[in-house]
Amino acid sequence: MKMRIFRPFSLLLHEMKFAANMNSNPALFNLLSLSSKRLSTLSSSPNPIIVNYLIQTFGFSQTLANSISNRFWWAKSTENPQSVIHFLRDLGFSEAHIRTSVRVGPQILFSDIDKTLKPKVQFFEQLGLVGADLDDENNGDLIRVLRRCTWVLSRNPELLLSNIAFLESCGIVGSQLSMLLTRQPRLFVIKQSTLKDLVSRAVDMGFSIESRMLVYALYTISCLRDETLRKKFELFRSWGFTEQECIEMFRRTPGLLRASEEKLKLGMEFFMNTMKFEKTLLVHRPTILMLSMEDRVIPRYRVLQILKSKRLLKREPSFINVLSLTDEEFLDKFISRFADDAEELLVAYKGHTLQEVDE
């Protein structure tokens, strides 16, 4: 495989050199709520300066403030904590996140902003977490990534950087690196020979280097044991799919093999036996096997069956197209417009959820 080293890694390497000096700074990997380790020396009495600051700034209880302040008996002012809080606010973190981070990992208050916090934040910016992403829970915010991956950062910084360089050479950069770090952090600290083997397996299954789909194939392959992958392919072959067709389905929808065997069986039984779909359709549209049978596929099928039985449709729609509609589009097109039968259609469509509410 031809590898290409991306320029951003050289910058990342420069910014992450602080990691190799981990032992010189106890708080190095304690950004936000990364760690709640107790300091080696504790005071038997609270530090009133820190107690007052915690209560006034974060609304902590007296008991919690006392407990935290015991760790920082030596602190004579709140200058550093105030600077840290301003730094986090400037990054866009919410007050709730800051409060939680301080409660779980109060060491953050006494971290060196320039030597510890800024390099750490810059590292995650290299992973595509910038601006509003730093405090957006729907986009995998920095706090969640840091909590999940602290052990990755502290275990072997040099191996981490080396694996990042390799992944970037495969075209896995920015937000894709962030996705991997969040979902499968162990990939960053496994032996590089193992990581290369996983990438090679993905390439052998039809994913090209620098393809934007490679990262999803790598994630799936790394999630599943060889035996599990073998059973998934055997399942498809038992329904008449060839080895090449199985690979083609995986290439089009890498997440397909992460679906449970039960889900895949139900999907193929419905689409091939009930709907009489040719297997070539599933080869080209394997995403339909990922759809929820209970919440999407079966309810829409029931609605169409009612409409057909009442001869309310001028022509039968493509079921594949029906499945691609949003809930609002489906309701407008196949339920709301048939006012006289809307109630029956709605029960067929949402009956299972209405029953759950009644119960």
Protein backbone atom coordinates (compact mmCIF):
# COMPACT_ATOMS: atom_id res chain seq x y z
CA MET A 1 0.00 0.00 0.00
CA LYS A 2 1.27 3.45 -0.84
CA MET A 3 1.34 5.64 2.26
CA ARG A 4 1.35 9.43 2.42
CA ILE A 5 2.19 11.37 5.57
CA PHE A 6 -0.08 14.35 6.07
CA ARG A 7 1.33 17.71 7.08
CA PRO A 8 -0.94 18.09 10.16
CA PHE A 9 0.88 15.25 11.90
CA SER A 10 4.15 17.17 11.96
CA LEU A 11 2.35 19.93 13.83
CA LEU A 12 0.69 17.40 16.10
CA LEU A 13 4.03 15.81 16.90
CA HIS A 14 5.43 19.20 17.89
CA GLU A 15 2.43 19.98 20.06
CA MET A 16 2.38 16.59 21.75
CA LYS A 17 6.04 16.49 22.81
CA PHE A 18 4.80 17.52 26.24
CA ALA A 19 3.41 13.99 26.56
CA ALA A 20 6.84 12.45 26.78
CA ASN A 21 7.52 14.63 29.85
CA MET A 22 4.52 13.25 31.67
CA ASN A 23 6.32 12.47 34.91
CA SER A 24 7.38 16.09 35.42
CA ASN A 25 3.79 17.29 35.65
CA PRO A 26 1.32 15.31 37.80
CA ALA A 27 -1.65 17.11 36.22
CA LEU A 28 -0.57 16.50 32.67
CA PHE A 29 -3.44 14.20 31.76
CA ASN A 30 -6.02 15.59 34.16
CA LEU A 31 -7.68 17.99 31.74
CA LEU A 32 -11.32 18.37 32.75
CA SER A 33 -12.63 15.27 34.52
CA LEU A 34 -9.95 12.93 33.25
CA SER A 35 -8.90 11.73 36.66
CA SER A 36 -10.03 12.02 40.22
CA LYS A 37 -6.82 10.71 41.77
CA ARG A 38 -6.14 12.00 45.23
CA LEU A 39 -2.96 13.96 45.78
CA SER A 40 -0.30 12.14 47.77
CA THR A 41 -0.45 14.64 50.66
CA LEU A 42 -3.76 15.67 52.20
CA SER A 43 -4.47 18.14 54.93
CA SER A 44 -6.63 17.25 57.87
CA SER A 45 -8.31 20.64 57.75
CA PRO A 46 -9.99 22.47 54.83
CA ASN A 47 -8.35 25.38 53.03
CA PRO A 48 -10.76 28.29 53.64
CA ILE A 49 -9.61 30.19 50.53
CA ILE A 50 -10.48 27.25 48.26
CA VAL A 51 -13.62 26.37 50.20
CA ASN A 52 -15.07 29.85 49.73
CA TYR A 53 -14.10 29.90 46.05
CA LEU A 54 -15.77 26.55 45.33
CA ILE A 55 -18.96 27.49 47.13
CA GLN A 56 -19.25 30.94 45.58
CA THR A 57 -18.22 29.96 42.04
CA PHE A 58 -19.81 26.53 41.64
CA GLY A 59 -22.40 26.36 44.39
CA PHE A 60 -20.78 23.28 45.93
CA SER A 61 -21.98 22.13 49.32
CA GLN A 62 -19.84 22.88 52.37
CA THR A 63 -19.00 19.18 52.70
CA LEU A 64 -17.90 18.81 49.08
CA ALA A 65 -15.93 22.05 49.15
CA ASN A 66 -14.14 20.97 52.33
CA SER A 67 -13.28 17.58 50.83
CA ILE A 68 -11.84 19.10 47.67
CA SER A 69 -9.93 21.85 49.46
CA ASN A 70 -8.08 19.28 51.57
CA ARG A 71 -6.15 18.36 48.43
CA PHE A 72 -4.97 21.90 47.90
CA TRP A 73 -3.94 22.92 51.40
CA TRP A 74 -0.93 24.71 49.93
CA ALA A 75 -2.94 27.10 47.71
CA LYS A 76 -2.72 30.71 48.87
CA SER A 77 -4.90 32.34 46.21
CA THR A 78 -7.54 31.57 43.60
CA GLU A 79 -5.65 33.28 40.78
CA ASN A 80 -4.86 30.07 38.89
CA PRO A 81 -8.35 28.56 39.28
CA GLN A 82 -9.91 31.78 38.00
CA SER A 83 -7.59 31.80 34.98
CA VAL A 84 -8.43 28.17 34.19
CA ILE A 85 -12.16 28.82 34.38
CA HIS A 86 -11.84 31.83 32.06
CA PHE A 87 -9.81 29.66 29.66
CA LEU A 88 -12.50 26.97 29.56
CA ARG A 89 -15.26 29.52 29.09
CA ASP A 90 -13.37 31.10 26.20
CA LEU A 91 -13.20 27.66 24.58
CA GLY A 92 -16.98 27.52 24.68
CA PHE A 93 -17.56 25.06 27.50
CA SER A 94 -20.87 25.40 29.30
CA GLU A 95 -21.05 26.26 32.99
CA ALA A 96 -22.55 22.82 33.65
CA HIS A 97 -19.60 21.05 32.02
CA ILE A 98 -17.08 23.17 33.86
CA ARG A 99 -18.80 22.54 37.18
CA THR A 100 -18.88 18.78 36.55
CA SER A 101 -15.24 18.72 35.50
CA VAL A 102 -14.15 20.56 38.64
CA ARG A 103 -16.26 18.31 40.86
CA VAL A 104 -14.85 15.10 39.36
CA GLY A 105 -11.30 16.28 38.64
CA PRO A 106 -10.51 19.38 40.72
CA GLN A 107 -6.84 19.18 39.69
CA ILE A 108 -7.90 21.06 36.59
CA LEU A 109 -8.07 24.25 38.65
CA PHE A 110 -4.32 24.19 39.26
CA SER A 111 -3.16 23.07 35.83
CA ASP A 112 -0.73 25.21 33.89
CA ILE A 113 -2.72 26.69 31.02
CA ASP A 114 0.18 27.20 28.62
CA LYS A 115 2.10 24.02 29.37
CA THR A 116 -0.75 21.60 29.99
CA LEU A 117 -4.20 22.73 28.91
CA LYS A 118 -3.47 24.53 25.64
CA PRO A 119 -1.37 21.68 24.16
CA LYS A 120 -4.05 19.18 25.17
CA VAL A 121 -6.81 21.22 23.54
CA GLN A 122 -4.67 21.73 20.43
CA PHE A 123 -4.27 17.97 20.19
CA PHE A 124 -8.02 17.46 20.03
CA GLU A 125 -8.36 20.32 17.58
CA GLN A 126 -6.12 18.25 15.33
CA LEU A 127 -8.77 15.56 15.61
CA GLY A 128 -11.38 17.92 14.24
CA LEU A 129 -12.87 19.09 17.54
CA VAL A 130 -12.87 22.87 17.20
CA GLY A 131 -15.08 25.78 18.14
CA ALA A 132 -18.62 24.75 19.02
CA ASP A 133 -17.68 21.05 18.76
CA LEU A 134 -15.83 21.40 22.06
CA ASP A 135 -19.10 21.74 23.94
CA ASP A 136 -21.59 20.03 21.66
CA GLU A 137 -22.80 16.76 23.14
CA ASN A 138 -24.50 15.83 19.88
CA ASN A 139 -21.19 16.01 18.03
CA GLY A 140 -19.03 14.04 20.43
CA ASP A 141 -17.83 16.91 22.59
CA LEU A 142 -14.32 17.15 23.94
CA ILE A 143 -15.34 16.22 27.47
CA ARG A 144 -16.77 12.88 26.34
CA VAL A 145 -13.73 12.13 24.20
CA LEU A 146 -11.34 13.01 26.99
CA ARG A 147 -13.20 10.93 29.56
CA ARG A 148 -13.26 7.94 27.24
CA CYS A 149 -9.66 8.22 26.10
CA THR A 150 -7.57 9.41 29.04
CA TRP A 151 -5.96 5.98 29.41
CA VAL A 152 -5.00 6.07 25.73
CA LEU A 153 -3.22 9.39 26.14
CA SER A 154 -1.34 8.35 29.25
CA ARG A 155 -0.36 4.80 28.35
CA ASN A 156 2.20 5.26 25.59
CA PRO A 157 2.37 8.73 23.97
CA GLU A 158 5.00 7.69 21.44
CA LEU A 159 2.96 4.72 20.20
CA LEU A 160 -0.13 6.94 20.10
CA LEU A 161 1.64 9.43 17.86
CA SER A 162 3.09 6.71 15.68
CA ASN A 163 -0.33 5.12 15.13
CA ILE A 164 -1.89 8.49 14.41
CA ALA A 165 0.80 9.08 11.78
CA PHE A 166 0.01 5.73 10.18
CA LEU A 167 -3.73 6.35 10.16
CA GLU A 168 -3.20 9.78 8.62
CA SER A 169 -1.03 8.19 5.95
CA CYS A 170 -4.08 6.07 5.11
CA GLY A 171 -6.22 9.18 4.71
CA ILE A 172 -7.91 8.90 8.10
CA VAL A 173 -7.63 12.45 9.41
CA GLY A 174 -9.44 15.13 11.42
CA SER A 175 -12.98 14.25 12.42
CA GLN A 176 -12.46 10.64 11.31
CA LEU A 177 -9.57 10.29 13.78
CA SER A 178 -11.83 11.79 16.43
CA MET A 179 -14.54 9.25 15.62
CA LEU A 180 -12.09 6.36 15.97
CA LEU A 181 -10.66 7.76 19.19
CA THR A 182 -14.13 8.00 20.66
CA ARG A 183 -15.50 4.66 19.49
CA GLN A 184 -12.41 2.45 19.44
CA PRO A 185 -9.57 4.08 21.41
CA ARG A 186 -7.60 0.87 21.69
CA LEU A 187 -6.66 1.20 18.01
CA PHE A 188 -4.37 4.05 19.00
CA VAL A 189 -2.25 2.01 21.42
CA ILE A 190 -2.14 -1.46 19.85
CA LYS A 191 1.06 -2.59 18.16
CA GLN A 192 1.41 -0.85 14.83
CA SER A 193 1.92 -4.21 13.13
CA THR A 194 -1.55 -5.19 14.39
CA LEU A 195 -3.03 -1.90 13.23
CA LYS A 196 -1.46 -2.32 9.79
CA ASP A 197 -2.88 -5.82 9.59
CA LEU A 198 -6.39 -4.51 10.30
CA VAL A 199 -6.04 -1.86 7.59
CA SER A 200 -4.69 -4.45 5.15
CA ARG A 201 -7.72 -6.66 5.81
CA ALA A 202 -10.00 -3.72 5.04
CA VAL A 203 -8.08 -3.05 1.82
CA ASP A 204 -8.32 -6.73 0.85
CA MET A 205 -12.10 -6.42 1.25
CA GLY A 206 -12.32 -3.67 -1.33
CA PHE A 207 -11.62 -0.44 0.57
CA SER A 208 -8.95 1.75 -0.96
CA ILE A 209 -6.42 3.78 0.96
CA GLU A 210 -7.64 7.37 1.41
CA SER A 211 -11.24 6.32 0.73
CA ARG A 212 -13.55 8.04 3.21
CA MET A 213 -15.20 4.67 3.83
CA LEU A 214 -11.95 3.06 5.01
CA VAL A 215 -12.34 4.34 8.56
CA TYR A 216 -15.77 2.69 8.89
CA ALA A 217 -14.43 -0.62 7.59
CA LEU A 218 -11.50 -0.41 10.01
CA TYR A 219 -13.84 0.33 12.89
CA THR A 220 -16.09 -2.62 12.06
CA ILE A 221 -13.23 -5.08 11.56
CA SER A 222 -11.62 -3.97 14.82
CA CYS A 223 -14.92 -4.45 16.70
CA LEU A 224 -15.51 -8.03 15.67
CA ARG A 225 -13.63 -11.20 16.33
CA ASP A 226 -12.58 -13.32 13.35
CA GLU A 227 -15.10 -15.96 14.37
CA THR A 228 -17.92 -13.40 14.45
CA LEU A 229 -17.02 -12.11 11.00
CA ARG A 230 -16.91 -15.67 9.69
CA LYS A 231 -20.39 -16.40 11.07
CA LYS A 232 -21.83 -13.24 9.53
CA PHE A 233 -20.50 -14.18 6.10
CA GLU A 234 -21.77 -17.74 6.54
CA LEU A 235 -25.21 -16.33 7.30
CA PHE A 236 -25.26 -14.37 4.06
CA ARG A 237 -24.00 -17.33 2.09
CA SER A 238 -26.78 -19.47 3.57
CA TRP A 239 -29.21 -17.10 1.82
CA GLY A 240 -27.49 -17.61 -1.50
CA PHE A 241 -25.05 -14.71 -1.52
CA THR A 242 -21.64 -15.36 -3.00
CA GLU A 243 -18.41 -14.40 -1.25
CA GLN A 244 -17.97 -11.48 -3.63
CA GLU A 245 -21.53 -10.31 -3.05
CA CYS A 246 -20.93 -10.42 0.70
CA ILE A 247 -17.83 -8.25 0.31
CA GLU A 248 -19.71 -5.86 -1.97
CA MET A 249 -22.45 -5.44 0.65
CA PHE A 250 -19.83 -4.77 3.31
CA ARG A 251 -18.06 -2.29 1.05
CA ARG A 252 -21.27 -0.35 0.51
CA THR A 253 -22.37 -0.48 4.17
CA PRO A 254 -19.46 -1.24 6.53
CA GLY A 255 -21.74 -1.15 9.57
CA LEU A 256 -23.77 -4.05 8.20
CA LEU A 257 -21.56 -6.67 9.85
CA ARG A 258 -21.99 -5.00 13.25
CA ALA A 259 -25.72 -5.77 13.14
CA SER A 260 -26.77 -8.81 15.15
CA GLU A 261 -27.34 -12.13 13.44
CA GLU A 262 -30.97 -12.03 14.57
CA LYS A 263 -31.53 -8.64 12.95
CA LEU A 264 -29.90 -9.75 9.71
CA LYS A 265 -31.97 -12.96 9.64
CA LEU A 266 -35.23 -11.08 10.19
CA GLY A 267 -34.32 -8.58 7.50
CA MET A 268 -33.43 -11.14 4.88
CA GLU A 269 -36.45 -13.28 5.67
CA PHE A 270 -38.77 -10.31 5.24
CA PHE A 271 -37.19 -8.76 2.15
CA MET A 272 -36.47 -12.02 0.31
CA ASN A 273 -39.45 -14.13 1.38
CA THR A 274 -42.24 -11.66 2.12
CA MET A 275 -41.30 -8.90 -0.32
CA LYS A 276 -39.77 -11.33 -2.84
CA PHE A 277 -36.79 -9.05 -3.44
CA GLU A 278 -34.00 -10.40 -5.60
CA LYS A 279 -30.73 -10.73 -3.72
CA THR A 280 -29.10 -8.37 -6.23
CA LEU A 281 -31.26 -5.58 -4.80
CA LEU A 282 -29.90 -6.24 -1.32
CA VAL A 283 -26.37 -6.34 -2.69
CA HIS A 284 -26.83 -2.83 -4.09
CA ARG A 285 -28.98 -1.51 -1.21
CA PRO A 286 -27.70 -3.29 1.92
CA THR A 287 -28.61 -0.29 4.08
CA ILE A 288 -32.22 -1.48 4.21
CA LEU A 289 -31.05 -4.40 6.34
CA MET A 290 -29.94 -1.84 8.92
CA LEU A 291 -33.40 -0.30 9.25
CA SER A 292 -35.53 -1.08 12.29
CA MET A 293 -37.97 -3.84 11.37
CA GLU A 294 -40.28 -3.03 14.29
CA ASP A 295 -40.34 0.75 14.02
CA ARG A 296 -39.96 1.38 10.29
CA VAL A 297 -40.12 -1.55 7.90
CA ILE A 298 -43.08 -3.58 9.21
CA PRO A 299 -45.32 -0.59 10.08
CA ARG A 300 -44.90 0.91 6.62
CA TYR A 301 -45.53 -2.46 5.03
CA ARG A 302 -48.79 -2.80 7.00
CA VAL A 303 -49.98 0.63 5.90
CA LEU A 304 -49.31 -0.14 2.25
CA GLN A 305 -51.12 -3.47 2.54
CA ILE A 306 -54.22 -1.70 3.84
CA LEU A 307 -54.09 0.90 1.09
CA LYS A 308 -53.72 -1.81 -1.55
CA SER A 309 -56.58 -3.86 -0.11
CA LYS A 310 -58.85 -0.81 -0.25
CA ARG A 311 -57.55 0.07 -3.71
CA LEU A 312 -56.67 3.57 -2.62
CA LEU A 313 -53.41 3.74 -4.54
CA LYS A 314 -53.39 4.62 -8.22
CA ARG A 315 -50.11 2.74 -8.60
CA GLU A 316 -48.04 0.70 -6.22
CA PRO A 317 -45.02 2.66 -4.97
CA SER A 318 -41.51 1.29 -4.74
CA PHE A 319 -41.11 -0.10 -1.23
CA ILE A 320 -37.45 0.89 -1.25
CA ASN A 321 -38.47 4.49 -1.88
CA VAL A 322 -41.14 4.26 0.80
CA LEU A 323 -38.53 3.18 3.33
CA SER A 324 -36.36 6.17 2.48
CA LEU A 325 -39.08 8.68 3.38
CA THR A 326 -38.95 10.56 6.66
CA ASP A 327 -41.77 9.94 9.15
CA GLU A 328 -43.35 13.27 8.24
CA GLU A 329 -43.18 12.53 4.51
CA PHE A 330 -44.65 9.06 5.01
CA LEU A 331 -47.52 10.38 7.14
CA ASP A 332 -48.36 13.07 4.59
CA LYS A 333 -48.19 10.76 1.59
CA PHE A 334 -49.76 7.57 2.89
CA ILE A 335 -51.90 8.40 5.93
CA SER A 336 -53.02 12.03 6.25
CA ARG A 337 -54.27 12.32 2.69
CA PHE A 338 -56.70 9.42 3.22
CA ALA A 339 -58.93 11.15 5.76
CA ASP A 340 -61.64 8.48 5.88
CA ASP A 341 -59.13 5.75 6.67
CA ALA A 342 -56.54 7.81 8.54
CA GLU A 343 -57.35 6.34 11.96
CA GLU A 344 -57.01 2.74 10.79
CA LEU A 345 -53.83 3.58 8.91
CA LEU A 346 -52.35 5.38 11.89
CA VAL A 347 -53.05 2.42 14.18
CA ALA A 348 -51.35 0.13 11.68
CA TYR A 349 -48.39 2.48 11.51
CA LYS A 350 -47.95 3.40 15.17
CA GLY A 351 -50.06 0.78 16.89
CA HIS A 352 -47.13 -0.87 18.65
CA THR A 353 -45.97 2.43 20.15
CA LEU A 354 -49.49 3.45 21.14
CA GLN A 355 -49.90 0.13 22.92
CA GLU A 356 -46.67 0.71 24.85
CA VAL A 357 -47.98 4.10 26.00
CA ASP A 358 -51.28 2.57 27.16
CA GLU A 359 -49.43 -0.03 29.17
